């Protein structure tokens, strides 16, 4: 395991200097799920929620969150994001929705935090819009699936890369 990069030699917290790193294509993919009552999932998928298109609004929230990550995570660099894809996969059998986010940039540092932040905020938006009918929803398994670009190269969950 490599050293923690957010500490200087004196042990003080600092923002990593990426100024001398070459710009490369960077990609990160993350996922997470939100479990809910079957009636809540039916309400979302049926488009009958009085607040509107739950998944459409959650998609926009995820995109916006990816662009605001540096405002939320203290030592993240603001990045020129070139693409964000937020997709949802309903699972009626398990009464949940899986969210997958892909974030891309050409830059000197990766977009893992932007993908993870987008996933979490998209799922939180679903929770917020549906909490009046289902306060027991559970957000879980928010995690990085894959990252590519930069010095560390390609990494994929499960060791494939």
C-alpha atoms as a PDB file:
ATOM      1  CA  UNK A   1       0.000   0.000   0.000  1.00  0.00           C
ATOM      2  CA  UNK A   2       1.351   3.425  -0.907  1.00  0.00           C
ATOM      3  CA  UNK A   3       1.725   6.418   1.388  1.00  0.00           C
ATOM      4  CA  UNK A   4      -1.156   8.724   2.181  1.00  0.00           C
ATOM      5  CA  UNK A   5      -0.737  11.662  -0.175  1.00  0.00           C
ATOM      6  CA  UNK A   6      -2.682  14.299   1.729  1.00  0.00           C
ATOM      7  CA  UNK A   7       0.024  14.757   4.379  1.00  0.00           C
ATOM      8  CA  UNK A   8       3.320  16.589   3.944  1.00  0.00           C
ATOM      9  CA  UNK A   9       6.610  15.285   5.446  1.00  0.00           C
ATOM     10  CA  UNK A  10       5.803  17.093   8.713  1.00  0.00           C
ATOM     11  CA  UNK A  11       2.477  15.236   8.969  1.00  0.00           C
ATOM     12  CA  UNK A  12       0.352  18.290   8.165  1.00  0.00           C
ATOM     13  CA  UNK A  13      -2.666  18.053   5.897  1.00  0.00           C
ATOM     14  CA  UNK A  14      -2.188  19.629   2.480  1.00  0.00           C
ATOM     15  CA  UNK A  15      -3.674  19.600  -0.986  1.00  0.00           C
ATOM     16  CA  UNK A  16      -1.630  17.378  -3.291  1.00  0.00           C
ATOM     17  CA  UNK A  17       0.310  19.289  -5.958  1.00  0.00           C
ATOM     18  CA  UNK A  18      -0.712  17.759  -9.290  1.00  0.00           C
ATOM     19  CA  UNK A  19       0.798  20.599 -11.338  1.00  0.00           C
ATOM     20  CA  UNK A  20       3.634  18.548 -12.788  1.00  0.00           C
ATOM     21  CA  UNK A  21       1.554  15.482 -13.620  1.00  0.00           C
ATOM     22  CA  UNK A  22       0.650  14.981 -17.272  1.00  0.00           C
ATOM     23  CA  UNK A  23      -2.974  15.381 -18.306  1.00  0.00           C
ATOM     24  CA  UNK A  24      -4.521  12.065 -19.318  1.00  0.00           C
ATOM     25  CA  UNK A  25      -7.992  10.742 -20.023  1.00  0.00           C
ATOM     26  CA  UNK A  26      -9.498   9.833 -16.625  1.00  0.00           C
ATOM     27  CA  UNK A  27     -12.574   7.692 -16.021  1.00  0.00           C
ATOM     28  CA  UNK A  28     -14.239   6.457 -12.845  1.00  0.00           C
ATOM     29  CA  UNK A  29     -17.289   4.219 -12.458  1.00  0.00           C
ATOM     30  CA  UNK A  30     -19.144   3.793  -9.165  1.00  0.00           C
ATOM     31  CA  UNK A  31     -22.341   2.199  -7.957  1.00  0.00           C
ATOM     32  CA  UNK A  32     -24.737   2.083  -5.033  1.00  0.00           C
ATOM     33  CA  UNK A  33     -28.237   0.884  -4.218  1.00  0.00           C
ATOM     34  CA  UNK A  34     -31.291   2.066  -2.358  1.00  0.00           C
ATOM     35  CA  UNK A  35     -33.680  -0.521  -0.939  1.00  0.00           C
ATOM     36  CA  UNK A  36     -37.307   0.371  -0.338  1.00  0.00           C
ATOM     37  CA  UNK A  37     -40.779  -1.011   0.147  1.00  0.00           C
ATOM     38  CA  UNK A  38     -42.239  -2.623  -2.992  1.00  0.00           C
ATOM     39  CA  UNK A  39     -45.015   0.008  -3.047  1.00  0.00           C
ATOM     40  CA  UNK A  40     -42.416   2.785  -3.088  1.00  0.00           C
ATOM     41  CA  UNK A  41     -40.604   1.221  -6.017  1.00  0.00           C
ATOM     42  CA  UNK A  42     -43.904   0.839  -7.869  1.00  0.00           C
ATOM     43  CA  UNK A  43     -44.715   4.494  -7.209  1.00  0.00           C
ATOM     44  CA  UNK A  44     -41.349   5.578  -8.628  1.00  0.00           C
ATOM     45  CA  UNK A  45     -41.509   3.328 -11.677  1.00  0.00           C
ATOM     46  CA  UNK A  46     -45.156   4.108 -12.382  1.00  0.00           C
ATOM     47  CA  UNK A  47     -44.482   7.827 -12.554  1.00  0.00           C
ATOM     48  CA  UNK A  48     -47.234   8.514 -10.036  1.00  0.00           C
ATOM     49  CA  UNK A  49     -45.197  10.437  -7.496  1.00  0.00           C
ATOM     50  CA  UNK A  50     -46.712  13.847  -6.867  1.00  0.00           C
ATOM     51  CA  UNK A  51     -43.238  15.436  -6.716  1.00  0.00           C
ATOM     52  CA  UNK A  52     -42.520  14.413 -10.306  1.00  0.00           C
ATOM     53  CA  UNK A  53     -40.058  12.161 -12.120  1.00  0.00           C
ATOM     54  CA  UNK A  54     -38.019  10.783  -9.213  1.00  0.00           C
ATOM     55  CA  UNK A  55     -35.305   9.150 -11.293  1.00  0.00           C
ATOM     56  CA  UNK A  56     -35.027  12.088 -13.688  1.00  0.00           C
ATOM     57  CA  UNK A  57     -34.538  14.511 -10.816  1.00  0.00           C
ATOM     58  CA  UNK A  58     -32.090  12.124  -9.109  1.00  0.00           C
ATOM     59  CA  UNK A  59     -30.109  11.906 -12.378  1.00  0.00           C
ATOM     60  CA  UNK A  60     -29.799  15.697 -12.537  1.00  0.00           C
ATOM     61  CA  UNK A  61     -28.812  15.799  -8.844  1.00  0.00           C
ATOM     62  CA  UNK A  62     -26.048  13.249  -9.472  1.00  0.00           C
ATOM     63  CA  UNK A  63     -24.693  15.213 -12.414  1.00  0.00           C
ATOM     64  CA  UNK A  64     -24.733  18.446 -10.413  1.00  0.00           C
ATOM     65  CA  UNK A  65     -23.048  16.738  -7.439  1.00  0.00           C
ATOM     66  CA  UNK A  66     -20.193  15.459  -9.583  1.00  0.00           C
ATOM     67  CA  UNK A  67     -19.475  19.042 -10.663  1.00  0.00           C
ATOM     68  CA  UNK A  68     -19.569  20.309  -7.045  1.00  0.00           C
ATOM     69  CA  UNK A  69     -17.399  17.625  -5.441  1.00  0.00           C
ATOM     70  CA  UNK A  70     -14.478  19.989  -4.809  1.00  0.00           C
ATOM     71  CA  UNK A  71     -16.872  22.232  -2.846  1.00  0.00           C
ATOM     72  CA  UNK A  72     -17.807  19.318  -0.568  1.00  0.00           C
ATOM     73  CA  UNK A  73     -14.616  17.289  -0.101  1.00  0.00           C
ATOM     74  CA  UNK A  74     -11.964  19.600   1.385  1.00  0.00           C
ATOM     75  CA  UNK A  75      -8.844  18.371  -0.438  1.00  0.00           C
ATOM     76  CA  UNK A  76     -10.374  17.559  -3.846  1.00  0.00           C
ATOM     77  CA  UNK A  77      -9.206  19.512  -6.857  1.00  0.00           C
ATOM     78  CA  UNK A  78     -11.837  21.294  -8.964  1.00  0.00           C
ATOM     79  CA  UNK A  79     -11.883  19.442 -12.283  1.00  0.00           C
ATOM     80  CA  UNK A  80     -13.148  20.190 -15.782  1.00  0.00           C
ATOM     81  CA  UNK A  81     -15.526  17.250 -16.101  1.00  0.00           C
ATOM     82  CA  UNK A  82     -16.093  16.254 -19.713  1.00  0.00           C
ATOM     83  CA  UNK A  83     -18.886  13.702 -19.235  1.00  0.00           C
ATOM     84  CA  UNK A  84     -21.193  12.316 -16.550  1.00  0.00           C
ATOM     85  CA  UNK A  85     -23.604   9.434 -17.008  1.00  0.00           C
ATOM     86  CA  UNK A  86     -26.031   8.523 -14.230  1.00  0.00           C
ATOM     87  CA  UNK A  87     -28.114   5.418 -14.840  1.00  0.00           C
ATOM     88  CA  UNK A  88     -30.665   3.550 -12.748  1.00  0.00           C
ATOM     89  CA  UNK A  89     -31.512  -0.130 -12.803  1.00  0.00           C
ATOM     90  CA  UNK A  90     -34.699  -1.047 -10.910  1.00  0.00           C
ATOM     91  CA  UNK A  91     -34.808  -4.509  -9.332  1.00  0.00           C
ATOM     92  CA  UNK A  92     -38.421  -5.401  -8.469  1.00  0.00           C
ATOM     93  CA  UNK A  93     -37.424  -8.788  -7.035  1.00  0.00           C
ATOM     94  CA  UNK A  94     -35.195  -7.177  -4.372  1.00  0.00           C
ATOM     95  CA  UNK A  95     -37.236  -3.965  -4.190  1.00  0.00           C
ATOM     96  CA  UNK A  96     -34.304  -1.692  -4.870  1.00  0.00           C
ATOM     97  CA  UNK A  97     -32.761   0.632  -7.412  1.00  0.00           C
ATOM     98  CA  UNK A  98     -29.127   0.353  -8.437  1.00  0.00           C
ATOM     99  CA  UNK A  99     -27.398   3.571  -9.487  1.00  0.00           C
ATOM    100  CA  UNK A 100     -24.274   3.524 -11.650  1.00  0.00           C
ATOM    101  CA  UNK A 101     -22.265   6.641 -12.426  1.00  0.00           C
ATOM    102  CA  UNK A 102     -19.481   7.169 -14.947  1.00  0.00           C
ATOM    103  CA  UNK A 103     -17.448  10.381 -14.807  1.00  0.00           C
ATOM    104  CA  UNK A 104     -14.783  11.426 -17.323  1.00  0.00           C
ATOM    105  CA  UNK A 105     -12.225  14.199 -17.615  1.00  0.00           C
ATOM    106  CA  UNK A 106      -8.902  14.963 -19.215  1.00  0.00           C
ATOM    107  CA  UNK A 107      -6.746  16.142 -16.374  1.00  0.00           C
ATOM    108  CA  UNK A 108      -3.965  15.678 -13.880  1.00  0.00           C
ATOM    109  CA  UNK A 109      -5.955  13.831 -11.221  1.00  0.00           C
ATOM    110  CA  UNK A 110      -8.701  11.238 -11.181  1.00  0.00           C
ATOM    111  CA  UNK A 111     -12.476  11.504 -10.899  1.00  0.00           C
ATOM    112  CA  UNK A 112     -13.158   8.757  -8.350  1.00  0.00           C
ATOM    113  CA  UNK A 113     -14.492  11.198  -5.764  1.00  0.00           C
ATOM    114  CA  UNK A 114     -16.743  12.845  -8.346  1.00  0.00           C
ATOM    115  CA  UNK A 115     -18.274   9.482  -9.297  1.00  0.00           C
ATOM    116  CA  UNK A 116     -18.770   8.421  -5.674  1.00  0.00           C
ATOM    117  CA  UNK A 117     -20.272  11.793  -4.720  1.00  0.00           C
ATOM    118  CA  UNK A 118     -22.645  11.689  -7.693  1.00  0.00           C
ATOM    119  CA  UNK A 119     -23.798   8.182  -6.768  1.00  0.00           C
ATOM    120  CA  UNK A 120     -24.468   9.099  -3.164  1.00  0.00           C
ATOM    121  CA  UNK A 121     -26.311  12.330  -4.004  1.00  0.00           C
ATOM    122  CA  UNK A 122     -28.452  10.625  -6.658  1.00  0.00           C
ATOM    123  CA  UNK A 123     -29.489   7.998  -4.101  1.00  0.00           C
ATOM    124  CA  UNK A 124     -30.051  10.647  -1.419  1.00  0.00           C
ATOM    125  CA  UNK A 125     -32.326  12.491  -3.840  1.00  0.00           C
ATOM    126  CA  UNK A 126     -34.450   9.368  -4.282  1.00  0.00           C
ATOM    127  CA  UNK A 127     -34.620   9.105  -0.500  1.00  0.00           C
ATOM    128  CA  UNK A 128     -35.556  12.762  -0.123  1.00  0.00           C
ATOM    129  CA  UNK A 129     -38.304  12.594  -2.713  1.00  0.00           C
ATOM    130  CA  UNK A 130     -39.821   9.404  -1.260  1.00  0.00           C
ATOM    131  CA  UNK A 131     -39.258   9.742   2.488  1.00  0.00           C
ATOM    132  CA  UNK A 132     -42.853  10.818   3.093  1.00  0.00           C
ATOM    133  CA  UNK A 133     -44.042   7.375   1.988  1.00  0.00           C
ATOM    134  CA  UNK A 134     -41.074   5.228   3.067  1.00  0.00           C
ATOM    135  CA  UNK A 135     -38.711   6.420   5.814  1.00  0.00           C
ATOM    136  CA  UNK A 136     -37.106   2.970   6.051  1.00  0.00           C
ATOM    137  CA  UNK A 137     -35.270   3.144   2.732  1.00  0.00           C
ATOM    138  CA  UNK A 138     -31.642   2.048   2.983  1.00  0.00           C
ATOM    139  CA  UNK A 139     -28.748   3.359   0.915  1.00  0.00           C
ATOM    140  CA  UNK A 140     -25.909   0.870   0.724  1.00  0.00           C
ATOM    141  CA  UNK A 141     -22.896  -0.479  -1.099  1.00  0.00           C
ATOM    142  CA  UNK A 142     -21.711   2.829  -2.543  1.00  0.00           C
ATOM    143  CA  UNK A 143     -18.343   1.882  -4.000  1.00  0.00           C
ATOM    144  CA  UNK A 144     -15.869   2.408  -6.790  1.00  0.00           C
ATOM    145  CA  UNK A 145     -16.117  -0.201  -9.543  1.00  0.00           C
ATOM    146  CA  UNK A 146     -13.409   0.975 -11.903  1.00  0.00           C
ATOM    147  CA  UNK A 147     -10.934   3.757 -12.586  1.00  0.00           C
ATOM    148  CA  UNK A 148      -8.635   4.384 -15.506  1.00  0.00           C
ATOM    149  CA  UNK A 149      -5.968   6.918 -16.366  1.00  0.00           C
ATOM    150  CA  UNK A 150      -2.980   8.442 -14.686  1.00  0.00           C
ATOM    151  CA  UNK A 151       0.157   6.908 -13.252  1.00  0.00           C
ATOM    152  CA  UNK A 152      -1.655   4.142 -11.375  1.00  0.00           C
ATOM    153  CA  UNK A 153      -3.311   2.953 -14.588  1.00  0.00           C
ATOM    154  CA  UNK A 154      -6.438   0.857 -14.811  1.00  0.00           C
ATOM    155  CA  UNK A 155      -8.092  -0.678 -11.753  1.00  0.00           C
ATOM    156  CA  UNK A 156     -11.282  -2.722 -11.653  1.00  0.00           C
ATOM    157  CA  UNK A 157     -13.024  -4.149  -8.576  1.00  0.00           C
ATOM    158  CA  UNK A 158     -12.208  -7.812  -8.282  1.00  0.00           C
ATOM    159  CA  UNK A 159      -8.651  -7.386  -9.530  1.00  0.00           C
ATOM    160  CA  UNK A 160      -9.476  -7.340 -13.224  1.00  0.00           C
ATOM    161  CA  UNK A 161      -7.964  -4.413 -15.033  1.00  0.00           C
END
